[in-house]
C-alpha atoms as a PDB file:
ATOM      1  CA  MET A   1     162.724 175.380  54.518  1.00  0.00           C
ATOM      2  CA  GLN A   2     160.777 175.738  57.124  1.00  0.00           C
ATOM      3  CA  HIS A   3     157.941 177.803  55.516  1.00  0.00           C
ATOM      4  CA  SER A   4     157.548 174.898  53.376  1.00  0.00           C
ATOM      5  CA  ARG A   5     157.343 172.422  56.457  1.00  0.00           C
ATOM      6  CA  LEU A   6     154.734 174.623  58.049  1.00  0.00           C
ATOM      7  CA  ALA A   7     152.792 174.911  55.046  1.00  0.00           C
ATOM      8  CA  ARG A   8     152.509 171.091  54.680  1.00  0.00           C
ATOM      9  CA  THR A   9     151.828 170.719  58.526  1.00  0.00           C
ATOM     10  CA  THR A  10     149.010 173.324  58.391  1.00  0.00           C
ATOM     11  CA  LEU A  11     147.536 171.329  55.247  1.00  0.00           C
ATOM     12  CA  ALA A  12     147.605 168.285  56.683  1.00  0.00           C
ATOM     13  CA  ALA A  13     146.017 169.675  59.977  1.00  0.00           C
ATOM     14  CA  MET A  14     143.566 171.241  57.827  1.00  0.00           C
ATOM     15  CA  LEU A  15     142.633 168.096  55.902  1.00  0.00           C
ATOM     16  CA  ILE A  16     142.809 165.915  59.236  1.00  0.00           C
ATOM     17  CA  SER A  17     140.224 168.082  60.667  1.00  0.00           C
ATOM     18  CA  GLY A  18     137.906 168.444  57.827  1.00  0.00           C
ATOM     19  CA  THR A  19     137.733 164.658  57.585  1.00  0.00           C
ATOM     20  CA  ALA A  20     137.031 164.278  60.919  1.00  0.00           C
ATOM     21  CA  ILE A  21     134.085 166.680  60.722  1.00  0.00           C
ATOM     22  CA  SER A  22     132.620 164.965  57.972  1.00  0.00           C
ATOM     23  CA  PHE A  23     132.763 161.754  59.347  1.00  0.00           C
ATOM     24  CA  SER A  24     131.277 162.856  62.711  1.00  0.00           C
ATOM     25  CA  ALA A  25     128.449 164.648  60.615  1.00  0.00           C
ATOM     26  CA  ALA A  26     127.771 161.612  58.515  1.00  0.00           C
ATOM     27  CA  ALA A  27     127.786 159.041  61.612  1.00  0.00           C
ATOM     28  CA  LEU A  28     124.438 160.872  62.991  1.00  0.00           C
ATOM     29  CA  PRO A  29     121.301 158.822  62.741  1.00  0.00           C
ATOM     30  CA  GLN A  30     118.235 159.981  61.216  1.00  0.00           C
ATOM     31  CA  ALA A  31     115.448 160.899  63.750  1.00  0.00           C
ATOM     32  CA  PRO A  32     112.053 158.715  63.272  1.00  0.00           C
ATOM     33  CA  VAL A  33     109.600 160.977  61.438  1.00  0.00           C
ATOM     34  CA  ASN A  34     107.456 160.971  64.381  1.00  0.00           C
ATOM     35  CA  ASP A  35     110.020 162.747  66.637  1.00  0.00           C
ATOM     36  CA  VAL A  36     110.294 165.287  63.950  1.00  0.00           C
ATOM     37  CA  VAL A  37     106.679 165.725  63.670  1.00  0.00           C
ATOM     38  CA  SER A  38     106.394 165.862  67.709  1.00  0.00           C
ATOM     39  CA  LEU A  39     109.215 168.526  67.636  1.00  0.00           C
ATOM     40  CA  LYS A  40     107.509 170.624  64.847  1.00  0.00           C
ATOM     41  CA  GLU A  41     104.547 170.819  67.037  1.00  0.00           C
ATOM     42  CA  ALA A  42     106.218 171.998  69.883  1.00  0.00           C
ATOM     43  CA  CYS A  43     107.882 174.607  67.928  1.00  0.00           C
ATOM     44  CA  GLN A  44     104.888 175.943  66.490  1.00  0.00           C
ATOM     45  CA  GLN A  45     103.379 176.294  69.894  1.00  0.00           C
ATOM     46  CA  ILE A  46     106.762 178.196  70.800  1.00  0.00           C
ATOM     47  CA  ALA A  47     106.305 180.485  67.639  1.00  0.00           C
ATOM     48  CA  LEU A  48     102.699 180.864  68.595  1.00  0.00           C
ATOM     49  CA  GLU A  49     103.464 181.598  72.325  1.00  0.00           C
ATOM     50  CA  ASP A  50     106.216 184.002  71.092  1.00  0.00           C
ATOM     51  CA  GLN A  51     103.764 185.801  68.433  1.00  0.00           C
ATOM     52  CA  LEU A  52     106.395 185.478  65.902  1.00  0.00           C
ATOM     53  CA  PRO A  53     105.286 187.194  62.446  1.00  0.00           C
ATOM     54  CA  GLU A  54     104.228 184.797  60.022  1.00  0.00           C
ATOM     55  CA  THR A  55     107.229 185.689  57.607  1.00  0.00           C
ATOM     56  CA  GLU A  56     109.303 184.176  60.310  1.00  0.00           C
ATOM     57  CA  VAL A  57     107.971 181.340  61.306  1.00  0.00           C
ATOM     58  CA  GLY A  58     109.288 178.723  58.522  1.00  0.00           C
ATOM     59  CA  ALA A  59     113.041 179.632  59.402  1.00  0.00           C
ATOM     60  CA  PHE A  60     112.011 179.605  63.289  1.00  0.00           C
ATOM     61  CA  LEU A  61     110.421 176.096  62.991  1.00  0.00           C
ATOM     62  CA  LEU A  62     113.459 174.600  61.066  1.00  0.00           C
ATOM     63  CA  ASP A  63     116.181 176.440  63.390  1.00  0.00           C
ATOM     64  CA  CYS A  64     113.904 175.055  66.439  1.00  0.00           C
ATOM     65  CA  VAL A  65     113.422 171.253  65.263  1.00  0.00           C
ATOM     66  CA  ASN A  66     117.017 171.040  64.122  1.00  0.00           C
ATOM     67  CA  ASP A  67     118.383 172.343  67.688  1.00  0.00           C
ATOM     68  CA  GLN A  68     116.484 169.902  69.197  1.00  0.00           C
ATOM     69  CA  LEU A  69     117.565 166.940  66.889  1.00  0.00           C
ATOM     70  CA  THR A  70     121.136 167.949  67.200  1.00  0.00           C
ATOM     71  CA  GLU A  71     120.778 168.047  71.404  1.00  0.00           C
ATOM     72  CA  MET A  72     119.211 164.616  70.699  1.00  0.00           C
ATOM     73  CA  GLY A  73     122.054 163.004  68.870  1.00  0.00           C
ATOM     74  CA  TYR A  74     120.185 163.044  65.288  1.00  0.00           C
ATOM     75  CA  GLU A  75     121.129 164.236  61.888  1.00  0.00           C
ATOM     76  CA  ARG A  76     119.685 167.724  61.083  1.00  0.00           C
ATOM     77  CA  VAL A  77     116.742 167.938  58.404  1.00  0.00           C
ATOM     78  CA  ALA A  78     116.901 170.016  55.283  1.00  0.00           C
ATOM     79  CA  SER A  79     112.987 170.690  55.519  1.00  0.00           C
ATOM     80  CA  LEU A  80     109.959 170.172  57.442  1.00  0.00           C
ATOM     81  CA  ASP A  81     107.741 169.813  54.041  1.00  0.00           C
END
């Protein structure tokens, strides 16, 4: 009997936490295009200064821009195209 109660409690907690995460992610605003462009340029400068191999630059730029967007309270972007 206790296993069933524990299982239901665990399942309920997982559902509630998953719902909270999805609401918080959906609630973030999209960054203005100008901000994304500026962040990309700044990240390109960092990549250049760090002399990243060309094969790593694309992934670095996306991670770099998304890190900054997250810090600014904006939604992450899927690509920088």
